[in-house]
């Protein structure tokens, strides 16, 4: 089964630092976990803090459906 997702990239500036976010969305009516609602959007976001020195620090990912369950 092929499930098409939509990806969005965002960049936010906070002072001299930046937060870069990558979010993937899936349609829950086409694909959902056993106990998830069958309507709406499933999503998962990876965030990275880029500080003024150029260091990149991964933030904890968040979302209501981790992509490793999508085949």
PDB file of N, CA and C in Angstrom:
ATOM      1  N   UNK A   1       0.851  -1.182   0.000  1.00  0.00           N
ATOM      2  CA  UNK A   1       0.000   0.000   0.000  1.00  0.00           C
ATOM      3  C   UNK A   1       0.888   1.235   0.000  1.00  0.00           C
ATOM      4  N   UNK A   2       0.604   2.136  -0.882  1.00  0.00           N
ATOM      5  CA  UNK A   2       1.325   3.402  -0.944  1.00  0.00           C
ATOM      6  C   UNK A   2       0.446   4.480  -0.351  1.00  0.00           C
ATOM      7  N   UNK A   3       0.977   5.186   0.614  1.00  0.00           N
ATOM      8  CA  UNK A   3       0.232   6.271   1.259  1.00  0.00           C
ATOM      9  C   UNK A   3       0.966   7.572   1.034  1.00  0.00           C
ATOM     10  N   UNK A   4       0.305   8.483   0.391  1.00  0.00           N
ATOM     11  CA  UNK A   4       0.937   9.766   0.114  1.00  0.00           C
ATOM     12  C   UNK A   4       0.829  10.684   1.319  1.00  0.00           C
ATOM     13  N   UNK A   5       1.959  11.269   1.681  1.00  0.00           N
ATOM     14  CA  UNK A   5       1.990  12.242   2.753  1.00  0.00           C
ATOM     15  C   UNK A   5       2.332  13.609   2.206  1.00  0.00           C
ATOM     16  N   UNK A   6       2.161  14.601   3.029  1.00  0.00           N
ATOM     17  CA  UNK A   6       2.510  15.974   2.677  1.00  0.00           C
ATOM     18  C   UNK A   6       3.565  16.433   3.670  1.00  0.00           C
ATOM     19  N   UNK A   7       4.615  17.043   3.171  1.00  0.00           N
ATOM     20  CA  UNK A   7       5.681  17.532   4.040  1.00  0.00           C
ATOM     21  C   UNK A   7       5.706  19.054   4.043  1.00  0.00           C
ATOM     22  N   UNK A   8       6.025  19.609   5.200  1.00  0.00           N
ATOM     23  CA  UNK A   8       6.138  21.062   5.335  1.00  0.00           C
ATOM     24  C   UNK A   8       7.419  21.371   6.096  1.00  0.00           C
ATOM     25  N   UNK A   9       8.133  22.399   5.662  1.00  0.00           N
ATOM     26  CA  UNK A   9       9.342  22.861   6.333  1.00  0.00           C
ATOM     27  C   UNK A   9       9.097  24.280   6.823  1.00  0.00           C
ATOM     28  N   UNK A  10       9.464  24.537   8.083  1.00  0.00           N
ATOM     29  CA  UNK A  10       9.312  25.869   8.663  1.00  0.00           C
ATOM     30  C   UNK A  10      10.615  26.283   9.334  1.00  0.00           C
ATOM     31  N   UNK A  11      10.881  27.580   9.331  1.00  0.00           N
ATOM     32  CA  UNK A  11      12.032  28.133  10.041  1.00  0.00           C
ATOM     33  C   UNK A  11      11.534  29.297  10.888  1.00  0.00           C
ATOM     34  N   UNK A  12      11.867  29.253  12.181  1.00  0.00           N
ATOM     35  CA  UNK A  12      11.495  30.333  13.097  1.00  0.00           C
ATOM     36  C   UNK A  12      12.771  30.918  13.697  1.00  0.00           C
ATOM     37  N   UNK A  13      12.835  32.228  13.781  1.00  0.00           N
ATOM     38  CA  UNK A  13      13.984  32.878  14.414  1.00  0.00           C
ATOM     39  C   UNK A  13      13.597  33.317  15.813  1.00  0.00           C
ATOM     40  N   UNK A  14      14.456  32.969  16.778  1.00  0.00           N
ATOM     41  CA  UNK A  14      14.271  33.398  18.164  1.00  0.00           C
ATOM     42  C   UNK A  14      15.580  34.029  18.612  1.00  0.00           C
ATOM     43  N   UNK A  15      15.656  35.345  18.580  1.00  0.00           N
ATOM     44  CA  UNK A  15      16.908  36.034  18.895  1.00  0.00           C
ATOM     45  C   UNK A  15      17.934  35.735  17.812  1.00  0.00           C
ATOM     46  N   UNK A  16      19.074  35.183  18.205  1.00  0.00           N
ATOM     47  CA  UNK A  16      20.116  34.816  17.248  1.00  0.00           C
ATOM     48  C   UNK A  16      20.032  33.353  16.815  1.00  0.00           C
ATOM     49  N   UNK A  17      19.093  32.612  17.387  1.00  0.00           N
ATOM     50  CA  UNK A  17      18.941  31.196  17.080  1.00  0.00           C
ATOM     51  C   UNK A  17      17.785  30.974  16.109  1.00  0.00           C
ATOM     52  N   UNK A  18      17.807  29.803  15.480  1.00  0.00           N
ATOM     53  CA  UNK A  18      16.740  29.399  14.580  1.00  0.00           C
ATOM     54  C   UNK A  18      16.250  28.020  14.980  1.00  0.00           C
ATOM     55  N   UNK A  19      14.971  27.775  14.751  1.00  0.00           N
ATOM     56  CA  UNK A  19      14.399  26.445  14.913  1.00  0.00           C
ATOM     57  C   UNK A  19      13.885  26.030  13.538  1.00  0.00           C
ATOM     58  N   UNK A  20      14.408  24.917  13.045  1.00  0.00           N
ATOM     59  CA  UNK A  20      13.996  24.375  11.752  1.00  0.00           C
ATOM     60  C   UNK A  20      13.117  23.167  12.029  1.00  0.00           C
ATOM     61  N   UNK A  21      11.919  23.160  11.441  1.00  0.00           N
ATOM     62  CA  UNK A  21      10.964  22.072  11.669  1.00  0.00           C
ATOM     63  C   UNK A  21      10.598  21.413  10.341  1.00  0.00           C
ATOM     64  N   UNK A  22      10.589  20.079  10.366  1.00  0.00           N
ATOM     65  CA  UNK A  22      10.119  19.280   9.235  1.00  0.00           C
ATOM     66  C   UNK A  22       8.914  18.485   9.725  1.00  0.00           C
ATOM     67  N   UNK A  23       7.767  18.690   9.097  1.00  0.00           N
ATOM     68  CA  UNK A  23       6.546  18.014   9.516  1.00  0.00           C
ATOM     69  C   UNK A  23       5.990  17.219   8.347  1.00  0.00           C
ATOM     70  N   UNK A  24       5.604  15.967   8.622  1.00  0.00           N
ATOM     71  CA  UNK A  24       4.948  15.134   7.619  1.00  0.00           C
ATOM     72  C   UNK A  24       3.526  14.854   8.094  1.00  0.00           C
ATOM     73  N   UNK A  25       2.579  14.965   7.169  1.00  0.00           N
ATOM     74  CA  UNK A  25       1.159  14.765   7.463  1.00  0.00           C
ATOM     75  C   UNK A  25       0.628  13.599   6.637  1.00  0.00           C
ATOM     76  N   UNK A  26      -0.300  12.840   7.227  1.00  0.00           N
ATOM     77  CA  UNK A  26      -0.999  11.772   6.516  1.00  0.00           C
ATOM     78  C   UNK A  26      -2.486  11.936   6.756  1.00  0.00           C
ATOM     79  N   UNK A  27      -3.293  11.483   5.818  1.00  0.00           N
ATOM     80  CA  UNK A  27      -4.747  11.517   5.949  1.00  0.00           C
ATOM     81  C   UNK A  27      -5.185  10.303   6.763  1.00  0.00           C
ATOM     82  N   UNK A  28      -5.769  10.527   7.912  1.00  0.00           N
ATOM     83  CA  UNK A  28      -6.146   9.439   8.817  1.00  0.00           C
ATOM     84  C   UNK A  28      -7.262   8.569   8.262  1.00  0.00           C
ATOM     85  N   UNK A  29      -8.019   9.050   7.290  1.00  0.00           N
ATOM     86  CA  UNK A  29      -9.068   8.206   6.717  1.00  0.00           C
ATOM     87  C   UNK A  29      -8.467   7.100   5.855  1.00  0.00           C
ATOM     88  N   UNK A  30      -7.228   7.297   5.355  1.00  0.00           N
ATOM     89  CA  UNK A  30      -6.574   6.289   4.530  1.00  0.00           C
ATOM     90  C   UNK A  30      -5.660   5.375   5.336  1.00  0.00           C
ATOM     91  N   UNK A  31      -5.157   5.865   6.456  1.00  0.00           N
ATOM     92  CA  UNK A  31      -4.190   5.100   7.222  1.00  0.00           C
ATOM     93  C   UNK A  31      -4.263   5.543   8.668  1.00  0.00           C
ATOM     94  N   UNK A  32      -4.476   4.614   9.573  1.00  0.00           N
ATOM     95  CA  UNK A  32      -4.541   4.983  10.985  1.00  0.00           C
ATOM     96  C   UNK A  32      -4.226   3.772  11.841  1.00  0.00           C
ATOM     97  N   UNK A  33      -3.752   4.027  13.042  1.00  0.00           N
ATOM     98  CA  UNK A  33      -3.517   2.961  14.005  1.00  0.00           C
ATOM     99  C   UNK A  33      -4.861   2.464  14.516  1.00  0.00           C
ATOM    100  N   UNK A  34      -4.851   1.313  15.140  1.00  0.00           N
ATOM    101  CA  UNK A  34      -6.080   0.671  15.601  1.00  0.00           C
ATOM    102  C   UNK A  34      -6.950   1.586  16.449  1.00  0.00           C
ATOM    103  N   UNK A  35      -6.347   2.330  17.375  1.00  0.00           N
ATOM    104  CA  UNK A  35      -7.138   3.148  18.295  1.00  0.00           C
ATOM    105  C   UNK A  35      -7.160   4.635  17.936  1.00  0.00           C
ATOM    106  N   UNK A  36      -6.653   5.003  16.747  1.00  0.00           N
ATOM    107  CA  UNK A  36      -6.687   6.398  16.303  1.00  0.00           C
ATOM    108  C   UNK A  36      -8.016   6.710  15.634  1.00  0.00           C
ATOM    109  N   UNK A  37      -8.435   7.974  15.650  1.00  0.00           N
ATOM    110  CA  UNK A  37      -9.650   8.338  14.920  1.00  0.00           C
ATOM    111  C   UNK A  37      -9.436   8.146  13.423  1.00  0.00           C
ATOM    112  N   UNK A  38     -10.502   7.874  12.687  1.00  0.00           N
ATOM    113  CA  UNK A  38     -10.381   7.646  11.251  1.00  0.00           C
ATOM    114  C   UNK A  38     -10.642   8.902  10.440  1.00  0.00           C
ATOM    115  N   UNK A  39     -10.583  10.042  11.073  1.00  0.00           N
ATOM    116  CA  UNK A  39     -10.730  11.298  10.352  1.00  0.00           C
ATOM    117  C   UNK A  39      -9.643  12.250  10.823  1.00  0.00           C
ATOM    118  N   UNK A  40      -9.399  13.266  10.038  1.00  0.00           N
ATOM    119  CA  UNK A  40      -8.402  14.250  10.419  1.00  0.00           C
ATOM    120  C   UNK A  40      -7.033  13.940   9.867  1.00  0.00           C
ATOM    121  N   UNK A  41      -6.034  14.543  10.454  1.00  0.00           N
ATOM    122  CA  UNK A  41      -4.657  14.412   9.988  1.00  0.00           C
ATOM    123  C   UNK A  41      -3.795  13.758  11.059  1.00  0.00           C
ATOM    124  N   UNK A  42      -2.927  12.871  10.606  1.00  0.00           N
ATOM    125  CA  UNK A  42      -1.880  12.335  11.454  1.00  0.00           C
ATOM    126  C   UNK A  42      -0.625  13.103  11.096  1.00  0.00           C
ATOM    127  N   UNK A  43       0.264  13.327  12.061  1.00  0.00           N
ATOM    128  CA  UNK A  43       1.462  14.120  11.758  1.00  0.00           C
ATOM    129  C   UNK A  43       2.618  13.742  12.659  1.00  0.00           C
ATOM    130  N   UNK A  44       3.805  14.102  12.214  1.00  0.00           N
ATOM    131  CA  UNK A  44       5.016  13.912  12.999  1.00  0.00           C
ATOM    132  C   UNK A  44       5.984  15.022  12.640  1.00  0.00           C
ATOM    133  N   UNK A  45       6.644  15.612  13.653  1.00  0.00           N
ATOM    134  CA  UNK A  45       7.535  16.761  13.431  1.00  0.00           C
ATOM    135  C   UNK A  45       8.904  16.494  14.030  1.00  0.00           C
ATOM    136  N   UNK A  46       9.929  16.763  13.223  1.00  0.00           N
ATOM    137  CA  UNK A  46      11.313  16.738  13.666  1.00  0.00           C
ATOM    138  C   UNK A  46      11.778  18.187  13.740  1.00  0.00           C
ATOM    139  N   UNK A  47      12.394  18.591  14.869  1.00  0.00           N
ATOM    140  CA  UNK A  47      12.853  19.967  15.055  1.00  0.00           C
ATOM    141  C   UNK A  47      14.340  19.988  15.374  1.00  0.00           C
ATOM    142  N   UNK A  48      14.995  21.043  14.883  1.00  0.00           N
ATOM    143  CA  UNK A  48      16.424  21.221  15.105  1.00  0.00           C
ATOM    144  C   UNK A  48      16.687  22.667  15.489  1.00  0.00           C
ATOM    145  N   UNK A  49      17.429  22.862  16.566  1.00  0.00           N
ATOM    146  CA  UNK A  49      17.841  24.196  16.990  1.00  0.00           C
ATOM    147  C   UNK A  49      19.190  24.489  16.348  1.00  0.00           C
ATOM    148  N   UNK A  50      19.282  25.611  15.632  1.00  0.00           N
ATOM    149  CA  UNK A  50      20.539  26.058  15.034  1.00  0.00           C
ATOM    150  C   UNK A  50      20.918  27.343  15.758  1.00  0.00           C
ATOM    151  N   UNK A  51      22.012  27.285  16.530  1.00  0.00           N
ATOM    152  CA  UNK A  51      22.377  28.459  17.310  1.00  0.00           C
ATOM    153  C   UNK A  51      23.277  29.397  16.509  1.00  0.00           C
ATOM    154  N   UNK A  52      23.638  30.514  17.129  1.00  0.00           N
ATOM    155  CA  UNK A  52      24.395  31.567  16.431  1.00  0.00           C
ATOM    156  C   UNK A  52      25.793  31.124  16.011  1.00  0.00           C
ATOM    157  N   UNK A  53      26.297  30.024  16.584  1.00  0.00           N
ATOM    158  CA  UNK A  53      27.613  29.515  16.174  1.00  0.00           C
ATOM    159  C   UNK A  53      27.502  28.528  15.017  1.00  0.00           C
ATOM    160  N   UNK A  54      26.276  28.171  14.646  1.00  0.00           N
ATOM    161  CA  UNK A  54      26.054  27.200  13.575  1.00  0.00           C
ATOM    162  C   UNK A  54      25.889  25.780  14.079  1.00  0.00           C
ATOM    163  N   UNK A  55      25.933  25.587  15.391  1.00  0.00           N
ATOM    164  CA  UNK A  55      25.724  24.250  15.956  1.00  0.00           C
ATOM    165  C   UNK A  55      24.265  23.833  15.773  1.00  0.00           C
ATOM    166  N   UNK A  56      24.062  22.573  15.435  1.00  0.00           N
ATOM    167  CA  UNK A  56      22.716  22.031  15.225  1.00  0.00           C
ATOM    168  C   UNK A  56      22.437  21.002  16.313  1.00  0.00           C
ATOM    169  N   UNK A  57      21.327  21.195  17.023  1.00  0.00           N
ATOM    170  CA  UNK A  57      20.953  20.289  18.105  1.00  0.00           C
ATOM    171  C   UNK A  57      19.540  19.771  17.830  1.00  0.00           C
ATOM    172  N   UNK A  58      19.413  18.459  17.707  1.00  0.00           N
ATOM    173  CA  UNK A  58      18.098  17.854  17.481  1.00  0.00           C
ATOM    174  C   UNK A  58      17.250  17.987  18.732  1.00  0.00           C
ATOM    175  N   UNK A  59      15.995  18.343  18.544  1.00  0.00           N
ATOM    176  CA  UNK A  59      15.029  18.433  19.624  1.00  0.00           C
ATOM    177  C   UNK A  59      14.210  17.144  19.633  1.00  0.00           C
ATOM    178  N   UNK A  60      13.546  16.820  20.725  1.00  0.00           N
ATOM    179  CA  UNK A  60      12.715  15.606  20.725  1.00  0.00           C
ATOM    180  C   UNK A  60      11.598  15.711  19.681  1.00  0.00           C
ATOM    181  N   UNK A  61      11.412  14.678  18.860  1.00  0.00           N
ATOM    182  CA  UNK A  61      10.331  14.722  17.869  1.00  0.00           C
ATOM    183  C   UNK A  61       8.975  14.634  18.557  1.00  0.00           C
ATOM    184  N   UNK A  62       7.960  15.185  17.906  1.00  0.00           N
ATOM    185  CA  UNK A  62       6.597  15.166  18.448  1.00  0.00           C
ATOM    186  C   UNK A  62       5.625  14.811  17.344  1.00  0.00           C
ATOM    187  N   UNK A  63       4.469  14.319  17.724  1.00  0.00           N
ATOM    188  CA  UNK A  63       3.426  14.034  16.755  1.00  0.00           C
ATOM    189  C   UNK A  63       2.479  12.978  17.279  1.00  0.00           C
ATOM    190  N   UNK A  64       1.462  12.716  16.485  1.00  0.00           N
ATOM    191  CA  UNK A  64       0.472  11.732  16.898  1.00  0.00           C
ATOM    192  C   UNK A  64       0.570  10.440  16.103  1.00  0.00           C
ATOM    193  N   UNK A  65       1.590  10.317  15.245  1.00  0.00           N
ATOM    194  CA  UNK A  65       1.763   9.067  14.525  1.00  0.00           C
ATOM    195  C   UNK A  65       3.192   8.968  13.999  1.00  0.00           C
ATOM    196  N   UNK A  66       4.062   8.182  14.638  1.00  0.00           N
ATOM    197  CA  UNK A  66       5.447   8.079  14.196  1.00  0.00           C
ATOM    198  C   UNK A  66       5.557   7.412  12.832  1.00  0.00           C
ATOM    199  N   UNK A  67       6.382   7.949  11.951  1.00  0.00           N
ATOM    200  CA  UNK A  67       6.478   7.470  10.573  1.00  0.00           C
ATOM    201  C   UNK A  67       7.045   6.067  10.431  1.00  0.00           C
ATOM    202  N   UNK A  68       7.695   5.507  11.434  1.00  0.00           N
ATOM    203  CA  UNK A  68       8.231   4.164  11.275  1.00  0.00           C
ATOM    204  C   UNK A  68       7.130   3.121  11.134  1.00  0.00           C
ATOM    205  N   UNK A  69       5.869   3.487  11.437  1.00  0.00           N
ATOM    206  CA  UNK A  69       4.765   2.577  11.256  1.00  0.00           C
ATOM    207  C   UNK A  69       4.174   2.632   9.854  1.00  0.00           C
ATOM    208  N   UNK A  70       4.634   3.554   9.042  1.00  0.00           N
ATOM    209  CA  UNK A  70       4.161   3.662   7.663  1.00  0.00           C
ATOM    210  C   UNK A  70       5.060   2.815   6.794  1.00  0.00           C
ATOM    211  N   UNK A  71       4.519   1.931   6.024  1.00  0.00           N
ATOM    212  CA  UNK A  71       5.301   1.071   5.128  1.00  0.00           C
ATOM    213  C   UNK A  71       5.154   1.540   3.705  1.00  0.00           C
TER     214      UNK A  71
END
